[in-house]
Amino acid sequence: MSDDRIAGTAKNIGGKAQEGYGRLTGDTESEVRGKLKQAEGAAQDLYGQAKDALSDAGEVVRKSAGEAGDAVFDFVHDRPLTTACIALGIGFLLGRMSHHD
């Protein structure tokens, strides 16, 4: 849980308390400020949730890239002749595509 989510939740709780105090005492200004603080807290909490989701997605991408790199390394290590033939074929095709006579 990010700091933004914690701070947003705290603002939301504080806003509810302020709204309740304003309602109890008849202080409309405190009640409105409490509602505004709740909205600010909810927005900050949503921002924190979005940051957490992006961080999680980034971790999945990094892990997948690492696994793909490991698979390529294993293939090259286990089949060096096949890898050389594939590289030669790709180089030949690229050379043919770039050479327009």
Protein backbone atom coordinates (compact mmCIF):
# COMPACT_ATOMS: atom_id res chain seq x y z
CA MET A 1 0.00 0.00 0.00
CA SER A 2 1.47 3.32 -1.06
CA ASP A 3 1.80 6.46 1.04
CA ASP A 4 -0.84 8.14 -1.14
CA ARG A 5 -3.40 5.49 -0.25
CA ILE A 6 -2.66 5.80 3.46
CA ALA A 7 -2.77 9.62 3.37
CA GLY A 8 -5.97 9.55 1.30
CA THR A 9 -7.67 7.22 3.76
CA ALA A 10 -6.55 9.42 6.67
CA LYS A 11 -7.94 12.54 4.96
CA ASN A 12 -11.19 10.75 4.28
CA ILE A 13 -11.56 9.73 7.93
CA GLY A 14 -10.62 13.23 9.10
CA GLY A 15 -13.14 14.70 6.68
CA LYS A 16 -15.90 12.45 8.00
CA ALA A 17 -15.09 13.53 11.54
CA GLN A 18 -15.09 17.19 10.53
CA GLU A 19 -18.36 16.78 8.65
CA GLY A 20 -19.93 15.06 11.67
CA TYR A 21 -18.70 17.79 13.99
CA GLY A 22 -20.14 20.46 11.69
CA ARG A 23 -23.47 18.65 11.47
CA LEU A 24 -23.59 18.16 15.25
CA THR A 25 -22.79 21.79 16.04
CA GLY A 26 -24.74 23.30 13.14
CA ASP A 27 -21.51 24.70 11.65
CA THR A 28 -22.22 24.49 7.93
CA GLU A 29 -18.72 25.64 7.01
CA SER A 30 -17.09 22.78 8.95
CA GLU A 31 -19.54 20.33 7.43
CA VAL A 32 -18.70 21.49 3.88
CA ARG A 33 -14.96 21.51 4.59
CA GLY A 34 -15.28 17.96 5.90
CA LYS A 35 -17.00 16.85 2.70
CA LEU A 36 -14.30 18.53 0.62
CA LYS A 37 -11.59 16.82 2.67
CA GLN A 38 -13.32 13.47 2.07
CA ALA A 39 -13.35 14.09 -1.68
CA GLU A 40 -9.68 15.04 -1.60
CA GLY A 41 -8.90 11.90 0.39
CA ALA A 42 -10.83 9.71 -2.02
CA ALA A 43 -8.98 11.22 -4.99
CA GLN A 44 -5.61 10.71 -3.33
CA ASP A 45 -6.52 7.11 -2.49
CA LEU A 46 -7.51 6.45 -6.12
CA TYR A 47 -4.23 7.99 -7.28
CA GLY A 48 -2.37 5.65 -4.92
CA GLN A 49 -4.32 2.67 -6.24
CA ALA A 50 -3.39 3.61 -9.81
CA LYS A 51 0.29 3.94 -8.85
CA ASP A 52 0.19 0.53 -7.16
CA ALA A 53 -1.45 -1.06 -10.20
CA LEU A 54 1.17 0.44 -12.55
CA SER A 55 3.96 -0.72 -10.28
CA ASP A 56 2.54 -4.25 -10.25
CA ALA A 57 2.20 -4.23 -14.04
CA GLY A 58 5.79 -3.04 -14.41
CA GLU A 59 7.00 -5.87 -12.21
CA VAL A 60 5.14 -8.42 -14.37
CA VAL A 61 6.75 -6.98 -17.52
CA ARG A 62 10.23 -7.04 -15.96
CA LYS A 63 9.75 -10.63 -14.83
CA SER A 64 8.45 -11.72 -18.24
CA ALA A 65 11.35 -10.01 -20.02
CA GLY A 66 13.81 -11.76 -17.73
CA GLU A 67 12.20 -15.12 -18.43
CA ALA A 68 12.28 -14.49 -22.19
CA GLY A 69 15.94 -13.54 -21.97
CA ASP A 70 16.67 -16.73 -20.06
CA ALA A 71 14.85 -18.79 -22.71
CA VAL A 72 16.87 -17.18 -25.52
CA PHE A 73 20.12 -17.73 -23.61
CA ASP A 74 19.25 -21.38 -23.01
CA PHE A 75 18.39 -21.89 -26.70
CA VAL A 76 21.64 -20.30 -27.88
CA HIS A 77 23.67 -22.23 -25.31
CA ASP A 78 22.03 -25.58 -26.09
CA ARG A 79 21.92 -25.17 -29.91
CA PRO A 80 24.82 -22.99 -31.10
CA LEU A 81 24.85 -24.41 -34.66
CA THR A 82 21.10 -23.88 -35.07
CA THR A 83 21.46 -20.35 -33.74
CA ALA A 84 24.28 -19.58 -36.19
CA CYS A 85 22.20 -20.92 -39.11
CA ILE A 86 19.20 -18.83 -38.07
CA ALA A 87 21.36 -15.70 -37.74
CA LEU A 88 22.94 -16.37 -41.14
CA GLY A 89 19.48 -16.82 -42.71
CA ILE A 90 18.16 -13.62 -41.19
CA GLY A 91 21.25 -11.73 -42.34
CA PHE A 92 20.88 -13.11 -45.86
CA LEU A 93 17.20 -12.12 -46.02
CA LEU A 94 17.90 -8.62 -44.71
CA GLY A 95 20.70 -8.23 -47.23
CA ARG A 96 18.43 -9.32 -50.08
CA MET A 97 15.67 -6.96 -48.97
CA SER A 98 17.99 -3.96 -48.76
CA HIS A 99 19.74 -4.67 -52.09
CA HIS A 100 17.42 -3.60 -54.92
CA ASP A 101 19.02 -4.32 -58.32
